[in-house]
Amino acid sequence: MEASRFNAYRNMWVMVLFDLPTETKKERRTASQFRKHLLENGFVMFQFSIYMRFCQSQENADVHTRRVKFQIPEKGKVCIFSITDKQFERMEIFHGHKKDETRNVPQQLELF
């Protein structure tokens, strides 16, 4: 029990929120490339302009944060932050007025 409690505070979720311009063909291509880069690096779409990735430690989260920073487009606004799995667990998600009880938790293998 103690090990799983520790992991809930050690495991991290990296969240990337962005608002990129899409008025010109070049801007749309740049925004698409940014989203594609996120998907190729293990991020999943949480909402249209919010992507997230599960990481097993703060160090791993830092690696993925640096990768995203390297790909930030010249124009637009990008926000990157990390939260613990315990904090993520407290999130309430609604679809309309109905609360969504399902949570997509990645499978984790622990070796001791």
PDB file of N, CA and C in Angstrom:
ATOM      1  N   MET A   1       0.820  -1.190   0.000  1.00  0.00           N
ATOM      2  CA  MET A   1       0.000   0.000   0.000  1.00  0.00           C
ATOM      3  C   MET A   1       0.867   1.258   0.000  1.00  0.00           C
ATOM      4  N   GLU A   2       1.922   1.269   0.786  1.00  0.00           N
ATOM      5  CA  GLU A   2       2.774   2.444   0.880  1.00  0.00           C
ATOM      6  C   GLU A   2       3.458   2.746  -0.452  1.00  0.00           C
ATOM      7  N   ALA A   3       3.884   1.716  -1.181  1.00  0.00           N
ATOM      8  CA  ALA A   3       4.549   1.936  -2.469  1.00  0.00           C
ATOM      9  C   ALA A   3       3.615   2.595  -3.468  1.00  0.00           C
ATOM     10  N   SER A   4       2.349   2.174  -3.524  1.00  0.00           N
ATOM     11  CA  SER A   4       1.418   2.776  -4.471  1.00  0.00           C
ATOM     12  C   SER A   4       1.110   4.225  -4.082  1.00  0.00           C
ATOM     13  N   ARG A   5       1.072   4.513  -2.803  1.00  0.00           N
ATOM     14  CA  ARG A   5       0.844   5.890  -2.364  1.00  0.00           C
ATOM     15  C   ARG A   5       2.015   6.771  -2.775  1.00  0.00           C
ATOM     16  N   PHE A   6       3.223   6.277  -2.627  1.00  0.00           N
ATOM     17  CA  PHE A   6       4.405   7.022  -3.041  1.00  0.00           C
ATOM     18  C   PHE A   6       4.370   7.293  -4.530  1.00  0.00           C
ATOM     19  N   ASN A   7       4.001   6.293  -5.334  1.00  0.00           N
ATOM     20  CA  ASN A   7       3.980   6.455  -6.776  1.00  0.00           C
ATOM     21  C   ASN A   7       2.963   7.487  -7.230  1.00  0.00           C
ATOM     22  N   ALA A   8       1.851   7.612  -6.538  1.00  0.00           N
ATOM     23  CA  ALA A   8       0.843   8.604  -6.911  1.00  0.00           C
ATOM     24  C   ALA A   8       1.402  10.024  -6.806  1.00  0.00           C
ATOM     25  N   TYR A   9       2.407  10.201  -5.962  1.00  0.00           N
ATOM     26  CA  TYR A   9       3.038  11.510  -5.831  1.00  0.00           C
ATOM     27  C   TYR A   9       4.289  11.629  -6.699  1.00  0.00           C
ATOM     28  N   ARG A  10       4.838  10.514  -7.126  1.00  0.00           N
ATOM     29  CA  ARG A  10       6.045  10.527  -7.955  1.00  0.00           C
ATOM     30  C   ARG A  10       5.694  10.557  -9.442  1.00  0.00           C
ATOM     31  N   ASN A  11       4.677   9.810  -9.839  1.00  0.00           N
ATOM     32  CA  ASN A  11       4.260   9.779 -11.238  1.00  0.00           C
ATOM     33  C   ASN A  11       3.707  11.141 -11.636  1.00  0.00           C
ATOM     34  N   MET A  12       3.994  11.543 -12.860  1.00  0.00           N
ATOM     35  CA  MET A  12       3.629  12.880 -13.309  1.00  0.00           C
ATOM     36  C   MET A  12       2.814  12.830 -14.599  1.00  0.00           C
ATOM     37  N   TRP A  13       2.022  13.847 -14.820  1.00  0.00           N
ATOM     38  CA  TRP A  13       1.329  14.083 -16.074  1.00  0.00           C
ATOM     39  C   TRP A  13       1.859  15.404 -16.626  1.00  0.00           C
ATOM     40  N   VAL A  14       2.382  15.377 -17.838  1.00  0.00           N
ATOM     41  CA  VAL A  14       2.808  16.603 -18.507  1.00  0.00           C
ATOM     42  C   VAL A  14       1.642  17.064 -19.368  1.00  0.00           C
ATOM     43  N   MET A  15       1.218  18.277 -19.159  1.00  0.00           N
ATOM     44  CA  MET A  15       0.102  18.852 -19.901  1.00  0.00           C
ATOM     45  C   MET A  15       0.637  19.954 -20.816  1.00  0.00           C
ATOM     46  N   VAL A  16       0.196  19.934 -22.073  1.00  0.00           N
ATOM     47  CA  VAL A  16       0.568  20.962 -23.036  1.00  0.00           C
ATOM     48  C   VAL A  16      -0.722  21.600 -23.541  1.00  0.00           C
ATOM     49  N   LEU A  17      -0.865  22.892 -23.287  1.00  0.00           N
ATOM     50  CA  LEU A  17      -2.025  23.651 -23.734  1.00  0.00           C
ATOM     51  C   LEU A  17      -1.530  24.655 -24.763  1.00  0.00           C
ATOM     52  N   PHE A  18      -2.249  24.805 -25.859  1.00  0.00           N
ATOM     53  CA  PHE A  18      -1.769  25.729 -26.878  1.00  0.00           C
ATOM     54  C   PHE A  18      -2.904  26.370 -27.640  1.00  0.00           C
ATOM     55  N   ASP A  19      -2.600  27.553 -28.144  1.00  0.00           N
ATOM     56  CA  ASP A  19      -3.488  28.313 -29.011  1.00  0.00           C
ATOM     57  C   ASP A  19      -2.611  28.834 -30.134  1.00  0.00           C
ATOM     58  N   LEU A  20      -2.669  28.171 -31.277  1.00  0.00           N
ATOM     59  CA  LEU A  20      -1.814  28.516 -32.408  1.00  0.00           C
ATOM     60  C   LEU A  20      -2.642  29.135 -33.528  1.00  0.00           C
ATOM     61  N   PRO A  21      -2.061  30.121 -34.220  1.00  0.00           N
ATOM     62  CA  PRO A  21      -2.796  30.731 -35.332  1.00  0.00           C
ATOM     63  C   PRO A  21      -2.970  29.734 -36.486  1.00  0.00           C
ATOM     64  N   THR A  22      -4.127  29.815 -37.164  1.00  0.00           N
ATOM     65  CA  THR A  22      -4.413  28.908 -38.290  1.00  0.00           C
ATOM     66  C   THR A  22      -5.068  29.659 -39.450  1.00  0.00           C
ATOM     67  N   GLU A  23      -4.738  30.929 -39.600  1.00  0.00           N
ATOM     68  CA  GLU A  23      -5.370  31.734 -40.646  1.00  0.00           C
ATOM     69  C   GLU A  23      -4.793  31.475 -42.028  1.00  0.00           C
ATOM     70  N   THR A  24      -3.504  31.211 -42.117  1.00  0.00           N
ATOM     71  CA  THR A  24      -2.885  30.963 -43.419  1.00  0.00           C
ATOM     72  C   THR A  24      -2.546  29.480 -43.558  1.00  0.00           C
ATOM     73  N   LYS A  25      -2.248  29.088 -44.780  1.00  0.00           N
ATOM     74  CA  LYS A  25      -1.889  27.693 -45.038  1.00  0.00           C
ATOM     75  C   LYS A  25      -0.625  27.309 -44.264  1.00  0.00           C
ATOM     76  N   LYS A  26       0.342  28.210 -44.225  1.00  0.00           N
ATOM     77  CA  LYS A  26       1.585  27.945 -43.502  1.00  0.00           C
ATOM     78  C   LYS A  26       1.323  27.779 -42.003  1.00  0.00           C
ATOM     79  N   GLU A  27       0.459  28.630 -41.435  1.00  0.00           N
ATOM     80  CA  GLU A  27       0.143  28.529 -40.012  1.00  0.00           C
ATOM     81  C   GLU A  27      -0.585  27.216 -39.699  1.00  0.00           C
ATOM     82  N   ARG A  28      -1.495  26.806 -40.571  1.00  0.00           N
ATOM     83  CA  ARG A  28      -2.197  25.532 -40.365  1.00  0.00           C
ATOM     84  C   ARG A  28      -1.216  24.361 -40.420  1.00  0.00           C
ATOM     85  N   ARG A  29      -0.282  24.414 -41.349  1.00  0.00           N
ATOM     86  CA  ARG A  29       0.724  23.360 -41.473  1.00  0.00           C
ATOM     87  C   ARG A  29       1.613  23.328 -40.224  1.00  0.00           C
ATOM     88  N   THR A  30       2.005  24.491 -39.737  1.00  0.00           N
ATOM     89  CA  THR A  30       2.838  24.572 -38.532  1.00  0.00           C
ATOM     90  C   THR A  30       2.094  24.003 -37.327  1.00  0.00           C
ATOM     91  N   ALA A  31       0.815  24.362 -37.173  1.00  0.00           N
ATOM     92  CA  ALA A  31       0.014  23.845 -36.055  1.00  0.00           C
ATOM     93  C   ALA A  31      -0.136  22.331 -36.164  1.00  0.00           C
ATOM     94  N   SER A  32      -0.370  21.828 -37.371  1.00  0.00           N
ATOM     95  CA  SER A  32      -0.490  20.374 -37.574  1.00  0.00           C
ATOM     96  C   SER A  32       0.812  19.657 -37.248  1.00  0.00           C
ATOM     97  N   GLN A  33       1.927  20.236 -37.631  1.00  0.00           N
ATOM     98  CA  GLN A  33       3.228  19.634 -37.334  1.00  0.00           C
ATOM     99  C   GLN A  33       3.477  19.586 -35.831  1.00  0.00           C
ATOM    100  N   PHE A  34       3.068  20.627 -35.125  1.00  0.00           N
ATOM    101  CA  PHE A  34       3.239  20.658 -33.671  1.00  0.00           C
ATOM    102  C   PHE A  34       2.405  19.555 -33.017  1.00  0.00           C
ATOM    103  N   ARG A  35       1.141  19.424 -33.431  1.00  0.00           N
ATOM    104  CA  ARG A  35       0.282  18.362 -32.883  1.00  0.00           C
ATOM    105  C   ARG A  35       0.851  16.984 -33.224  1.00  0.00           C
ATOM    106  N   LYS A  36       1.333  16.815 -34.445  1.00  0.00           N
ATOM    107  CA  LYS A  36       1.913  15.535 -34.865  1.00  0.00           C
ATOM    108  C   LYS A  36       3.137  15.209 -34.009  1.00  0.00           C
ATOM    109  N   HIS A  37       3.958  16.198 -33.737  1.00  0.00           N
ATOM    110  CA  HIS A  37       5.135  15.987 -32.890  1.00  0.00           C
ATOM    111  C   HIS A  37       4.715  15.509 -31.495  1.00  0.00           C
ATOM    112  N   LEU A  38       3.665  16.123 -30.932  1.00  0.00           N
ATOM    113  CA  LEU A  38       3.181  15.704 -29.617  1.00  0.00           C
ATOM    114  C   LEU A  38       2.742  14.238 -29.644  1.00  0.00           C
ATOM    115  N   LEU A  39       1.964  13.865 -30.659  1.00  0.00           N
ATOM    116  CA  LEU A  39       1.482  12.481 -30.767  1.00  0.00           C
ATOM    117  C   LEU A  39       2.634  11.497 -30.938  1.00  0.00           C
ATOM    118  N   GLU A  40       3.626  11.857 -31.745  1.00  0.00           N
ATOM    119  CA  GLU A  40       4.785  10.979 -31.968  1.00  0.00           C
ATOM    120  C   GLU A  40       5.605  10.780 -30.699  1.00  0.00           C
ATOM    121  N   ASN A  41       5.493  11.713 -29.769  1.00  0.00           N
ATOM    122  CA  ASN A  41       6.251  11.624 -28.517  1.00  0.00           C
ATOM    123  C   ASN A  41       5.405  11.147 -27.343  1.00  0.00           C
ATOM    124  N   GLY A  42       4.316  10.452 -27.643  1.00  0.00           N
ATOM    125  CA  GLY A  42       3.559   9.789 -26.599  1.00  0.00           C
ATOM    126  C   GLY A  42       2.467  10.603 -25.935  1.00  0.00           C
ATOM    127  N   PHE A  43       2.218  11.803 -26.423  1.00  0.00           N
ATOM    128  CA  PHE A  43       1.128  12.605 -25.877  1.00  0.00           C
ATOM    129  C   PHE A  43      -0.181  12.134 -26.493  1.00  0.00           C
ATOM    130  N   VAL A  44      -1.264  12.295 -25.751  1.00  0.00           N
ATOM    131  CA  VAL A  44      -2.599  11.988 -26.259  1.00  0.00           C
ATOM    132  C   VAL A  44      -3.458  13.248 -26.122  1.00  0.00           C
ATOM    133  N   MET A  45      -4.422  13.378 -27.020  1.00  0.00           N
ATOM    134  CA  MET A  45      -5.286  14.547 -26.980  1.00  0.00           C
ATOM    135  C   MET A  45      -6.285  14.404 -25.831  1.00  0.00           C
ATOM    136  N   PHE A  46      -6.317  15.384 -24.959  1.00  0.00           N
ATOM    137  CA  PHE A  46      -7.264  15.430 -23.856  1.00  0.00           C
ATOM    138  C   PHE A  46      -8.482  16.255 -24.260  1.00  0.00           C
ATOM    139  N   GLN A  47      -8.218  17.399 -24.876  1.00  0.00           N
ATOM    140  CA  GLN A  47      -9.220  18.227 -25.531  1.00  0.00           C
ATOM    141  C   GLN A  47      -8.563  18.765 -26.786  1.00  0.00           C
ATOM    142  N   PHE A  48      -9.280  19.551 -27.586  1.00  0.00           N
ATOM    143  CA  PHE A  48      -8.763  19.955 -28.885  1.00  0.00           C
ATOM    144  C   PHE A  48      -7.367  20.568 -28.835  1.00  0.00           C
ATOM    145  N   SER A  49      -7.087  21.436 -27.923  1.00  0.00           N
ATOM    146  CA  SER A  49      -5.766  22.061 -27.842  1.00  0.00           C
ATOM    147  C   SER A  49      -5.072  21.759 -26.519  1.00  0.00           C
ATOM    148  N   ILE A  50      -5.397  20.604 -25.954  1.00  0.00           N
ATOM    149  CA  ILE A  50      -4.757  20.162 -24.711  1.00  0.00           C
ATOM    150  C   ILE A  50      -4.298  18.722 -24.911  1.00  0.00           C
ATOM    151  N   TYR A  51      -3.015  18.507 -24.766  1.00  0.00           N
ATOM    152  CA  TYR A  51      -2.438  17.173 -24.893  1.00  0.00           C
ATOM    153  C   TYR A  51      -1.754  16.830 -23.585  1.00  0.00           C
ATOM    154  N   MET A  52      -1.700  15.538 -23.273  1.00  0.00           N
ATOM    155  CA  MET A  52      -1.096  15.121 -22.006  1.00  0.00           C
ATOM    156  C   MET A  52      -0.280  13.851 -22.213  1.00  0.00           C
ATOM    157  N   ARG A  53       0.666  13.663 -21.314  1.00  0.00           N
ATOM    158  CA  ARG A  53       1.519  12.478 -21.367  1.00  0.00           C
ATOM    159  C   ARG A  53       1.819  12.029 -19.952  1.00  0.00           C
ATOM    160  N   PHE A  54       1.699  10.724 -19.710  1.00  0.00           N
ATOM    161  CA  PHE A  54       2.025  10.141 -18.417  1.00  0.00           C
ATOM    162  C   PHE A  54       3.524   9.891 -18.348  1.00  0.00           C
ATOM    163  N   CYS A  55       4.133  10.263 -17.234  1.00  0.00           N
ATOM    164  CA  CYS A  55       5.566  10.041 -17.013  1.00  0.00           C
ATOM    165  C   CYS A  55       5.743   9.416 -15.634  1.00  0.00           C
ATOM    166  N   GLN A  56       6.714   8.539 -15.501  1.00  0.00           N
ATOM    167  CA  GLN A  56       6.899   7.819 -14.244  1.00  0.00           C
ATOM    168  C   GLN A  56       7.733   8.566 -13.210  1.00  0.00           C
ATOM    169  N   SER A  57       8.264   9.724 -13.585  1.00  0.00           N
ATOM    170  CA  SER A  57       9.042  10.500 -12.631  1.00  0.00           C
ATOM    171  C   SER A  57       9.139  11.941 -13.105  1.00  0.00           C
ATOM    172  N   GLN A  58       9.560  12.813 -12.204  1.00  0.00           N
ATOM    173  CA  GLN A  58       9.768  14.210 -12.562  1.00  0.00           C
ATOM    174  C   GLN A  58      10.893  14.331 -13.590  1.00  0.00           C
ATOM    175  N   GLU A  59      11.903  13.498 -13.467  1.00  0.00           N
ATOM    176  CA  GLU A  59      13.015  13.527 -14.414  1.00  0.00           C
ATOM    177  C   GLU A  59      12.536  13.188 -15.823  1.00  0.00           C
ATOM    178  N   ASN A  60      11.682  12.170 -15.932  1.00  0.00           N
ATOM    179  CA  ASN A  60      11.122  11.792 -17.228  1.00  0.00           C
ATOM    180  C   ASN A  60      10.218  12.908 -17.768  1.00  0.00           C
ATOM    181  N   ALA A  61       9.459  13.534 -16.893  1.00  0.00           N
ATOM    182  CA  ALA A  61       8.606  14.658 -17.300  1.00  0.00           C
ATOM    183  C   ALA A  61       9.452  15.808 -17.822  1.00  0.00           C
ATOM    184  N   ASP A  62      10.596  16.056 -17.185  1.00  0.00           N
ATOM    185  CA  ASP A  62      11.492  17.122 -17.632  1.00  0.00           C
ATOM    186  C   ASP A  62      12.025  16.847 -19.042  1.00  0.00           C
ATOM    187  N   VAL A  63      12.336  15.589 -19.341  1.00  0.00           N
ATOM    188  CA  VAL A  63      12.821  15.209 -20.669  1.00  0.00           C
ATOM    189  C   VAL A  63      11.770  15.545 -21.724  1.00  0.00           C
ATOM    190  N   HIS A  64      10.524  15.167 -21.467  1.00  0.00           N
ATOM    191  CA  HIS A  64       9.463  15.411 -22.434  1.00  0.00           C
ATOM    192  C   HIS A  64       9.112  16.890 -22.529  1.00  0.00           C
ATOM    193  N   THR A  65       9.235  17.613 -21.445  1.00  0.00           N
ATOM    194  CA  THR A  65       9.012  19.060 -21.477  1.00  0.00           C
ATOM    195  C   THR A  65      10.052  19.730 -22.365  1.00  0.00           C
ATOM    196  N   ARG A  66      11.316  19.330 -22.245  1.00  0.00           N
ATOM    197  CA  ARG A  66      12.368  19.898 -23.099  1.00  0.00           C
ATOM    198  C   ARG A  66      12.103  19.595 -24.567  1.00  0.00           C
ATOM    199  N   ARG A  67      11.631  18.397 -24.875  1.00  0.00           N
ATOM    200  CA  ARG A  67      11.323  18.031 -26.265  1.00  0.00           C
ATOM    201  C   ARG A  67      10.225  18.924 -26.832  1.00  0.00           C
ATOM    202  N   VAL A  68       9.205  19.191 -26.032  1.00  0.00           N
ATOM    203  CA  VAL A  68       8.115  20.062 -26.491  1.00  0.00           C
ATOM    204  C   VAL A  68       8.643  21.480 -26.704  1.00  0.00           C
ATOM    205  N   LYS A  69       9.435  21.982 -25.767  1.00  0.00           N
ATOM    206  CA  LYS A  69       9.980  23.334 -25.886  1.00  0.00           C
ATOM    207  C   LYS A  69      10.772  23.508 -27.172  1.00  0.00           C
ATOM    208  N   PHE A  70      11.467  22.471 -27.591  1.00  0.00           N
ATOM    209  CA  PHE A  70      12.267  22.525 -28.804  1.00  0.00           C
ATOM    210  C   PHE A  70      11.391  22.674 -30.051  1.00  0.00           C
ATOM    211  N   GLN A  71      10.133  22.230 -29.984  1.00  0.00           N
ATOM    212  CA  GLN A  71       9.232  22.236 -31.137  1.00  0.00           C
ATOM    213  C   GLN A  71       8.197  23.367 -31.115  1.00  0.00           C
ATOM    214  N   ILE A  72       8.247  24.255 -30.141  1.00  0.00           N
ATOM    215  CA  ILE A  72       7.247  25.319 -30.045  1.00  0.00           C
ATOM    216  C   ILE A  72       7.318  26.203 -31.293  1.00  0.00           C
ATOM    217  N   PRO A  73       6.170  26.420 -31.939  1.00  0.00           N
ATOM    218  CA  PRO A  73       6.141  27.281 -33.123  1.00  0.00           C
ATOM    219  C   PRO A  73       6.494  28.730 -32.796  1.00  0.00           C
ATOM    220  N   GLU A  74       6.880  29.458 -33.822  1.00  0.00           N
ATOM    221  CA  GLU A  74       7.289  30.854 -33.653  1.00  0.00           C
ATOM    222  C   GLU A  74       6.130  31.732 -33.183  1.00  0.00           C
ATOM    223  N   LYS A  75       4.927  31.451 -33.691  1.00  0.00           N
ATOM    224  CA  LYS A  75       3.751  32.243 -33.324  1.00  0.00           C
ATOM    225  C   LYS A  75       2.806  31.399 -32.480  1.00  0.00           C
ATOM    226  N   GLY A  76       1.993  32.080 -31.685  1.00  0.00           N
ATOM    227  CA  GLY A  76       1.014  31.381 -30.870  1.00  0.00           C
ATOM    228  C   GLY A  76       1.420  31.335 -29.413  1.00  0.00           C
ATOM    229  N   LYS A  77       0.578  30.695 -28.624  1.00  0.00           N
ATOM    230  CA  LYS A  77       0.806  30.608 -27.187  1.00  0.00           C
ATOM    231  C   LYS A  77       0.804  29.138 -26.778  1.00  0.00           C
ATOM    232  N   VAL A  78       1.836  28.726 -26.046  1.00  0.00           N
ATOM    233  CA  VAL A  78       1.961  27.346 -25.570  1.00  0.00           C
ATOM    234  C   VAL A  78       2.257  27.391 -24.081  1.00  0.00           C
ATOM    235  N   CYS A  79       1.543  26.565 -23.329  1.00  0.00           N
ATOM    236  CA  CYS A  79       1.745  26.441 -21.887  1.00  0.00           C
ATOM    237  C   CYS A  79       2.060  24.979 -21.585  1.00  0.00           C
ATOM    238  N   ILE A  80       3.116  24.737 -20.828  1.00  0.00           N
ATOM    239  CA  ILE A  80       3.504  23.379 -20.446  1.00  0.00           C
ATOM    240  C   ILE A  80       3.592  23.335 -18.926  1.00  0.00           C
ATOM    241  N   PHE A  81       2.954  22.341 -18.320  1.00  0.00           N
ATOM    242  CA  PHE A  81       3.088  22.176 -16.881  1.00  0.00           C
ATOM    243  C   PHE A  81       2.942  20.704 -16.520  1.00  0.00           C
ATOM    244  N   SER A  82       3.414  20.369 -15.341  1.00  0.00           N
ATOM    245  CA  SER A  82       3.340  18.995 -14.844  1.00  0.00           C
ATOM    246  C   SER A  82       2.538  18.971 -13.552  1.00  0.00           C
ATOM    247  N   ILE A  83       1.777  17.910 -13.389  1.00  0.00           N
ATOM    248  CA  ILE A  83       1.064  17.687 -12.138  1.00  0.00           C
ATOM    249  C   ILE A  83       1.298  16.239 -11.726  1.00  0.00           C
ATOM    250  N   THR A  84       1.187  15.980 -10.445  1.00  0.00           N
ATOM    251  CA  THR A  84       1.374  14.607  -9.980  1.00  0.00           C
ATOM    252  C   THR A  84       0.147  13.771 -10.355  1.00  0.00           C
ATOM    253  N   ASP A  85       0.331  12.471 -10.350  1.00  0.00           N
ATOM    254  CA  ASP A  85      -0.776  11.562 -10.629  1.00  0.00           C
ATOM    255  C   ASP A  85      -1.871  11.741  -9.580  1.00  0.00           C
ATOM    256  N   LYS A  86      -1.478  12.039  -8.354  1.00  0.00           N
ATOM    257  CA  LYS A  86      -2.443  12.260  -7.270  1.00  0.00           C
ATOM    258  C   LYS A  86      -3.303  13.488  -7.562  1.00  0.00           C
ATOM    259  N   GLN A  87      -2.688  14.557  -8.060  1.00  0.00           N
ATOM    260  CA  GLN A  87      -3.439  15.747  -8.426  1.00  0.00           C
ATOM    261  C   GLN A  87      -4.366  15.462  -9.611  1.00  0.00           C
ATOM    262  N   PHE A  88      -3.853  14.735 -10.598  1.00  0.00           N
ATOM    263  CA  PHE A  88      -4.654  14.382 -11.771  1.00  0.00           C
ATOM    264  C   PHE A  88      -5.863  13.546 -11.371  1.00  0.00           C
ATOM    265  N   GLU A  89      -5.665  12.681 -10.392  1.00  0.00           N
ATOM    266  CA  GLU A  89      -6.733  11.810  -9.900  1.00  0.00           C
ATOM    267  C   GLU A  89      -7.916  12.605  -9.346  1.00  0.00           C
ATOM    268  N   ARG A  90      -7.661  13.785  -8.842  1.00  0.00           N
ATOM    269  CA  ARG A  90      -8.708  14.605  -8.238  1.00  0.00           C
ATOM    270  C   ARG A  90      -9.526  15.388  -9.267  1.00  0.00           C
ATOM    271  N   MET A  91      -9.130  15.338 -10.534  1.00  0.00           N
ATOM    272  CA  MET A  91      -9.841  16.057 -11.574  1.00  0.00           C
ATOM    273  C   MET A  91     -11.235  15.475 -11.774  1.00  0.00           C
ATOM    274  N   GLU A  92     -12.210  16.333 -11.896  1.00  0.00           N
ATOM    275  CA  GLU A  92     -13.567  15.898 -12.197  1.00  0.00           C
ATOM    276  C   GLU A  92     -13.843  16.231 -13.659  1.00  0.00           C
ATOM    277  N   ILE A  93     -14.291  15.235 -14.413  1.00  0.00           N
ATOM    278  CA  ILE A  93     -14.534  15.402 -15.837  1.00  0.00           C
ATOM    279  C   ILE A  93     -16.019  15.192 -16.107  1.00  0.00           C
ATOM    280  N   PHE A  94     -16.617  16.118 -16.841  1.00  0.00           N
ATOM    281  CA  PHE A  94     -18.038  16.041 -17.153  1.00  0.00           C
ATOM    282  C   PHE A  94     -18.249  16.023 -18.662  1.00  0.00           C
ATOM    283  N   HIS A  95     -19.226  15.273 -19.088  1.00  0.00           N
ATOM    284  CA  HIS A  95     -19.707  15.283 -20.470  1.00  0.00           C
ATOM    285  C   HIS A  95     -21.129  15.801 -20.385  1.00  0.00           C
ATOM    286  N   GLY A  96     -21.323  17.088 -20.663  1.00  0.00           N
ATOM    287  CA  GLY A  96     -22.612  17.715 -20.397  1.00  0.00           C
ATOM    288  C   GLY A  96     -22.789  17.803 -18.891  1.00  0.00           C
ATOM    289  N   HIS A  97     -23.926  17.387 -18.401  1.00  0.00           N
ATOM    290  CA  HIS A  97     -24.178  17.398 -16.950  1.00  0.00           C
ATOM    291  C   HIS A  97     -23.780  16.087 -16.291  1.00  0.00           C
ATOM    292  N   LYS A  98     -23.422  15.092 -17.105  1.00  0.00           N
ATOM    293  CA  LYS A  98     -23.103  13.768 -16.579  1.00  0.00           C
ATOM    294  C   LYS A  98     -21.606  13.674 -16.266  1.00  0.00           C
ATOM    295  N   LYS A  99     -21.295  13.252 -15.059  1.00  0.00           N
ATOM    296  CA  LYS A  99     -19.903  13.085 -14.652  1.00  0.00           C
ATOM    297  C   LYS A  99     -19.343  11.819 -15.276  1.00  0.00           C
ATOM    298  N   ASP A 100     -18.152  11.938 -15.852  1.00  0.00           N
ATOM    299  CA  ASP A 100     -17.480  10.807 -16.480  1.00  0.00           C
ATOM    300  C   ASP A 100     -16.706  10.052 -15.410  1.00  0.00           C
ATOM    301  N   GLU A 101     -17.092   8.822 -15.146  1.00  0.00           N
ATOM    302  CA  GLU A 101     -16.456   8.018 -14.100  1.00  0.00           C
ATOM    303  C   GLU A 101     -15.241   7.252 -14.606  1.00  0.00           C
ATOM    304  N   THR A 102     -15.046   7.186 -15.917  1.00  0.00           N
ATOM    305  CA  THR A 102     -13.929   6.413 -16.452  1.00  0.00           C
ATOM    306  C   THR A 102     -12.676   7.263 -16.472  1.00  0.00           C
ATOM    307  N   ARG A 103     -11.563   6.615 -16.248  1.00  0.00           N
ATOM    308  CA  ARG A 103     -10.267   7.283 -16.279  1.00  0.00           C
ATOM    309  C   ARG A 103      -9.302   6.377 -16.998  1.00  0.00           C
ATOM    310  N   ASN A 104      -8.667   6.881 -18.015  1.00  0.00           N
ATOM    311  CA  ASN A 104      -7.724   6.105 -18.803  1.00  0.00           C
ATOM    312  C   ASN A 104      -6.368   6.120 -18.111  1.00  0.00           C
ATOM    313  N   VAL A 105      -6.101   5.102 -17.309  1.00  0.00           N
ATOM    314  CA  VAL A 105      -4.849   5.016 -16.560  1.00  0.00           C
ATOM    315  C   VAL A 105      -3.903   4.092 -17.305  1.00  0.00           C
ATOM    316  N   PRO A 106      -2.697   4.567 -17.607  1.00  0.00           N
ATOM    317  CA  PRO A 106      -1.749   3.688 -18.290  1.00  0.00           C
ATOM    318  C   PRO A 106      -1.351   2.516 -17.419  1.00  0.00           C
ATOM    319  N   GLN A 107      -1.096   1.401 -18.060  1.00  0.00           N
ATOM    320  CA  GLN A 107      -0.627   0.231 -17.337  1.00  0.00           C
ATOM    321  C   GLN A 107       0.799   0.479 -16.881  1.00  0.00           C
ATOM    322  N   GLN A 108       1.096   0.066 -15.679  1.00  0.00           N
ATOM    323  CA  GLN A 108       2.408   0.315 -15.109  1.00  0.00           C
ATOM    324  C   GLN A 108       2.949  -0.966 -14.512  1.00  0.00           C
ATOM    325  N   LEU A 109       4.183  -1.253 -14.808  1.00  0.00           N
ATOM    326  CA  LEU A 109       4.856  -2.417 -14.280  1.00  0.00           C
ATOM    327  C   LEU A 109       5.876  -1.951 -13.253  1.00  0.00           C
ATOM    328  N   GLU A 110       5.796  -2.493 -12.051  1.00  0.00           N
ATOM    329  CA  GLU A 110       6.753  -2.152 -11.007  1.00  0.00           C
ATOM    330  C   GLU A 110       7.598  -3.358 -10.683  1.00  0.00           C
ATOM    331  N   LEU A 111       8.901  -3.171 -10.657  1.00  0.00           N
ATOM    332  CA  LEU A 111       9.825  -4.242 -10.307  1.00  0.00           C
ATOM    333  C   LEU A 111      10.576  -3.831  -9.051  1.00  0.00           C
ATOM    334  N   PHE A 112      10.538  -4.684  -8.050  1.00  0.00           N
ATOM    335  CA  PHE A 112      11.259  -4.407  -6.796  1.00  0.00           C
ATOM    336  C   PHE A 112      12.166  -5.564  -6.456  1.00  0.00           C
TER     337      PHE A 112
END
